Amino acid sequence: MNFRPAVCAALLCAGALSSAPPVSADPTDDSFLGALADYGININNPATAISMARAVCAGFDNNQNSNVVAMKVMKDTTLSAKQAGYFVGVSISAYCPQYKGKTDDSFDWLNPGPPLQ
């Protein structure tokens, strides 16, 4: 009997299973990560992104203004100002909705006006 094809098939299946990305069991985390991906923000480490989102909420819990929170996101990542603003907004929506609509005027720099003509 030749067991080689069966062994190869078993190894291929095991390799496919071990290389599959982990599935998050938390729908909030999945929505948060999906929103970032939809906006074009690539996440290499989902756990780090989720941790940073929770840090955004902690910043608001500590009465930091929106500008400080967004600048911290920019400092800790390679995100642009616009992406950092989006990250802060999605973080609020996902993990601390009590801050929706409560960002201060310092956040306006993240929303540039229409292009000058």
C-alpha atoms as a PDB file:
ATOM      1  CA  MET A   1       0.000   0.000   0.000  1.00  0.00           C
ATOM      2  CA  ASN A   2       1.138   3.505  -0.749  1.00  0.00           C
ATOM      3  CA  PHE A   3       0.367   5.905   2.107  1.00  0.00           C
ATOM      4  CA  ARG A   4       2.209   8.845   0.590  1.00  0.00           C
ATOM      5  CA  PRO A   5      -0.863  10.522  -1.066  1.00  0.00           C
ATOM      6  CA  ALA A   6      -2.889  10.179   2.136  1.00  0.00           C
ATOM      7  CA  VAL A   7      -0.097  11.645   4.244  1.00  0.00           C
ATOM      8  CA  CYS A   8       0.371  14.550   1.810  1.00  0.00           C
ATOM      9  CA  ALA A   9      -3.347  15.279   1.855  1.00  0.00           C
ATOM     10  CA  ALA A  10      -3.408  15.245   5.653  1.00  0.00           C
ATOM     11  CA  LEU A  11      -0.436  17.600   5.840  1.00  0.00           C
ATOM     12  CA  LEU A  12      -2.008  19.978   3.332  1.00  0.00           C
ATOM     13  CA  CYS A  13      -5.237  20.083   5.330  1.00  0.00           C
ATOM     14  CA  ALA A  14      -3.374  20.676   8.578  1.00  0.00           C
ATOM     15  CA  GLY A  15      -1.343  23.453   6.955  1.00  0.00           C
ATOM     16  CA  ALA A  16      -4.452  25.154   5.634  1.00  0.00           C
ATOM     17  CA  LEU A  17      -6.090  25.057   9.044  1.00  0.00           C
ATOM     18  CA  SER A  18      -3.038  26.388  10.851  1.00  0.00           C
ATOM     19  CA  SER A  19      -2.614  29.283   8.434  1.00  0.00           C
ATOM     20  CA  ALA A  20      -6.246  30.406   8.562  1.00  0.00           C
ATOM     21  CA  PRO A  21      -6.740  33.723  10.362  1.00  0.00           C
ATOM     22  CA  PRO A  22      -8.317  33.468  13.791  1.00  0.00           C
ATOM     23  CA  VAL A  23     -11.990  34.253  13.891  1.00  0.00           C
ATOM     24  CA  SER A  24     -13.064  36.762  16.477  1.00  0.00           C
ATOM     25  CA  ALA A  25     -15.987  35.667  18.578  1.00  0.00           C
ATOM     26  CA  ASP A  26     -16.882  39.248  19.511  1.00  0.00           C
ATOM     27  CA  PRO A  27     -19.247  40.978  17.064  1.00  0.00           C
ATOM     28  CA  THR A  28     -18.160  44.423  18.306  1.00  0.00           C
ATOM     29  CA  ASP A  29     -14.529  43.649  17.515  1.00  0.00           C
ATOM     30  CA  ASP A  30     -15.521  42.253  14.125  1.00  0.00           C
ATOM     31  CA  SER A  31     -17.540  45.376  13.288  1.00  0.00           C
ATOM     32  CA  PHE A  32     -14.718  47.657  14.413  1.00  0.00           C
ATOM     33  CA  LEU A  33     -12.103  45.813  12.352  1.00  0.00           C
ATOM     34  CA  GLY A  34     -14.466  45.617   9.380  1.00  0.00           C
ATOM     35  CA  ALA A  35     -15.083  49.373   9.478  1.00  0.00           C
ATOM     36  CA  LEU A  36     -11.346  50.031   9.454  1.00  0.00           C
ATOM     37  CA  ALA A  37     -10.851  47.638   6.542  1.00  0.00           C
ATOM     38  CA  ASP A  38     -13.739  49.219   4.618  1.00  0.00           C
ATOM     39  CA  TYR A  39     -12.028  52.606   4.997  1.00  0.00           C
ATOM     40  CA  GLY A  40      -8.751  51.162   3.714  1.00  0.00           C
ATOM     41  CA  ILE A  41      -6.920  51.033   7.017  1.00  0.00           C
ATOM     42  CA  ASN A  42      -4.869  47.839   6.985  1.00  0.00           C
ATOM     43  CA  ILE A  43      -4.530  46.161  10.346  1.00  0.00           C
ATOM     44  CA  ASN A  44      -1.576  43.842  10.859  1.00  0.00           C
ATOM     45  CA  ASN A  45      -2.452  42.988  14.438  1.00  0.00           C
ATOM     46  CA  PRO A  46      -6.171  43.076  15.268  1.00  0.00           C
ATOM     47  CA  ALA A  47      -5.533  42.716  19.010  1.00  0.00           C
ATOM     48  CA  THR A  48      -3.338  45.823  18.992  1.00  0.00           C
ATOM     49  CA  ALA A  49      -5.930  47.815  17.045  1.00  0.00           C
ATOM     50  CA  ILE A  50      -8.660  46.787  19.491  1.00  0.00           C
ATOM     51  CA  SER A  51      -6.413  47.700  22.417  1.00  0.00           C
ATOM     52  CA  MET A  52      -5.729  51.108  20.876  1.00  0.00           C
ATOM     53  CA  ALA A  53      -9.453  51.662  20.356  1.00  0.00           C
ATOM     54  CA  ARG A  54     -10.042  50.968  24.019  1.00  0.00           C
ATOM     55  CA  ALA A  55      -7.217  53.410  24.825  1.00  0.00           C
ATOM     56  CA  VAL A  56      -9.092  56.035  22.781  1.00  0.00           C
ATOM     57  CA  CYS A  57     -12.073  55.527  25.077  1.00  0.00           C
ATOM     58  CA  ALA A  58      -9.826  55.704  28.132  1.00  0.00           C
ATOM     59  CA  GLY A  59      -8.534  59.040  26.869  1.00  0.00           C
ATOM     60  CA  PHE A  60     -12.082  60.378  26.701  1.00  0.00           C
ATOM     61  CA  ASP A  61     -12.783  58.863  30.131  1.00  0.00           C
ATOM     62  CA  ASN A  62      -9.827  60.927  31.399  1.00  0.00           C
ATOM     63  CA  ASN A  63     -11.308  64.111  29.855  1.00  0.00           C
ATOM     64  CA  GLN A  64      -8.684  64.379  27.122  1.00  0.00           C
ATOM     65  CA  ASN A  65      -9.847  66.456  24.194  1.00  0.00           C
ATOM     66  CA  SER A  66     -10.310  64.958  20.753  1.00  0.00           C
ATOM     67  CA  ASN A  67      -7.163  66.562  19.427  1.00  0.00           C
ATOM     68  CA  VAL A  68      -4.979  64.904  22.064  1.00  0.00           C
ATOM     69  CA  VAL A  69      -6.603  61.512  21.496  1.00  0.00           C
ATOM     70  CA  ALA A  70      -6.193  61.701  17.712  1.00  0.00           C
ATOM     71  CA  MET A  71      -2.596  62.906  17.988  1.00  0.00           C
ATOM     72  CA  LYS A  72      -1.797  59.956  20.258  1.00  0.00           C
ATOM     73  CA  VAL A  73      -3.241  57.582  17.650  1.00  0.00           C
ATOM     74  CA  MET A  74      -1.074  59.242  14.993  1.00  0.00           C
ATOM     75  CA  LYS A  75       2.009  59.046  17.226  1.00  0.00           C
ATOM     76  CA  ASP A  76       1.492  55.356  17.961  1.00  0.00           C
ATOM     77  CA  THR A  77       0.723  54.333  14.380  1.00  0.00           C
ATOM     78  CA  THR A  78       1.525  55.244  10.797  1.00  0.00           C
ATOM     79  CA  LEU A  79      -1.985  56.608  10.232  1.00  0.00           C
ATOM     80  CA  SER A  80      -2.511  59.968   8.579  1.00  0.00           C
ATOM     81  CA  ALA A  81      -4.490  62.682  10.367  1.00  0.00           C
ATOM     82  CA  LYS A  82      -7.609  61.756   8.418  1.00  0.00           C
ATOM     83  CA  GLN A  83      -7.184  58.046   9.169  1.00  0.00           C
ATOM     84  CA  ALA A  84      -6.515  58.787  12.856  1.00  0.00           C
ATOM     85  CA  GLY A  85      -9.707  60.828  12.996  1.00  0.00           C
ATOM     86  CA  TYR A  86     -11.626  57.968  11.427  1.00  0.00           C
ATOM     87  CA  PHE A  87     -10.004  55.528  13.857  1.00  0.00           C
ATOM     88  CA  VAL A  88     -11.107  57.690  16.798  1.00  0.00           C
ATOM     89  CA  GLY A  89     -14.644  57.926  15.418  1.00  0.00           C
ATOM     90  CA  VAL A  90     -14.938  54.188  14.837  1.00  0.00           C
ATOM     91  CA  SER A  91     -13.443  53.522  18.272  1.00  0.00           C
ATOM     92  CA  ILE A  92     -16.107  55.716  19.857  1.00  0.00           C
ATOM     93  CA  SER A  93     -18.869  54.034  17.863  1.00  0.00           C
ATOM     94  CA  ALA A  94     -17.685  50.557  18.783  1.00  0.00           C
ATOM     95  CA  TYR A  95     -16.403  50.800  22.338  1.00  0.00           C
ATOM     96  CA  CYS A  96     -17.611  54.009  23.980  1.00  0.00           C
ATOM     97  CA  PRO A  97     -20.780  55.216  22.284  1.00  0.00           C
ATOM     98  CA  GLN A  98     -21.474  57.492  25.246  1.00  0.00           C
ATOM     99  CA  TYR A  99     -18.992  59.899  23.587  1.00  0.00           C
ATOM    100  CA  LYS A 100     -20.785  60.024  20.221  1.00  0.00           C
ATOM    101  CA  GLY A 101     -21.353  63.650  19.318  1.00  0.00           C
ATOM    102  CA  LYS A 102     -19.248  64.836  22.238  1.00  0.00           C
ATOM    103  CA  THR A 103     -15.980  65.489  20.467  1.00  0.00           C
ATOM    104  CA  ASP A 104     -14.801  69.046  20.974  1.00  0.00           C
ATOM    105  CA  ASP A 105     -14.000  71.743  18.435  1.00  0.00           C
ATOM    106  CA  SER A 106     -10.327  70.829  18.466  1.00  0.00           C
ATOM    107  CA  PHE A 107     -11.289  67.856  16.308  1.00  0.00           C
ATOM    108  CA  ASP A 108     -12.140  70.155  13.380  1.00  0.00           C
ATOM    109  CA  TRP A 109      -8.599  70.022  11.991  1.00  0.00           C
ATOM    110  CA  LEU A 110      -9.307  66.431  10.991  1.00  0.00           C
ATOM    111  CA  ASN A 111     -12.162  67.485   8.712  1.00  0.00           C
ATOM    112  CA  PRO A 112     -10.686  69.826   6.124  1.00  0.00           C
ATOM    113  CA  GLY A 113     -13.103  71.922   4.141  1.00  0.00           C
ATOM    114  CA  PRO A 114     -13.694  71.613   0.429  1.00  0.00           C
ATOM    115  CA  PRO A 115     -10.674  72.110  -1.817  1.00  0.00           C
ATOM    116  CA  LEU A 116      -9.947  75.691  -2.756  1.00  0.00           C
ATOM    117  CA  GLN A 117     -10.610  76.562  -6.366  1.00  0.00           C
END
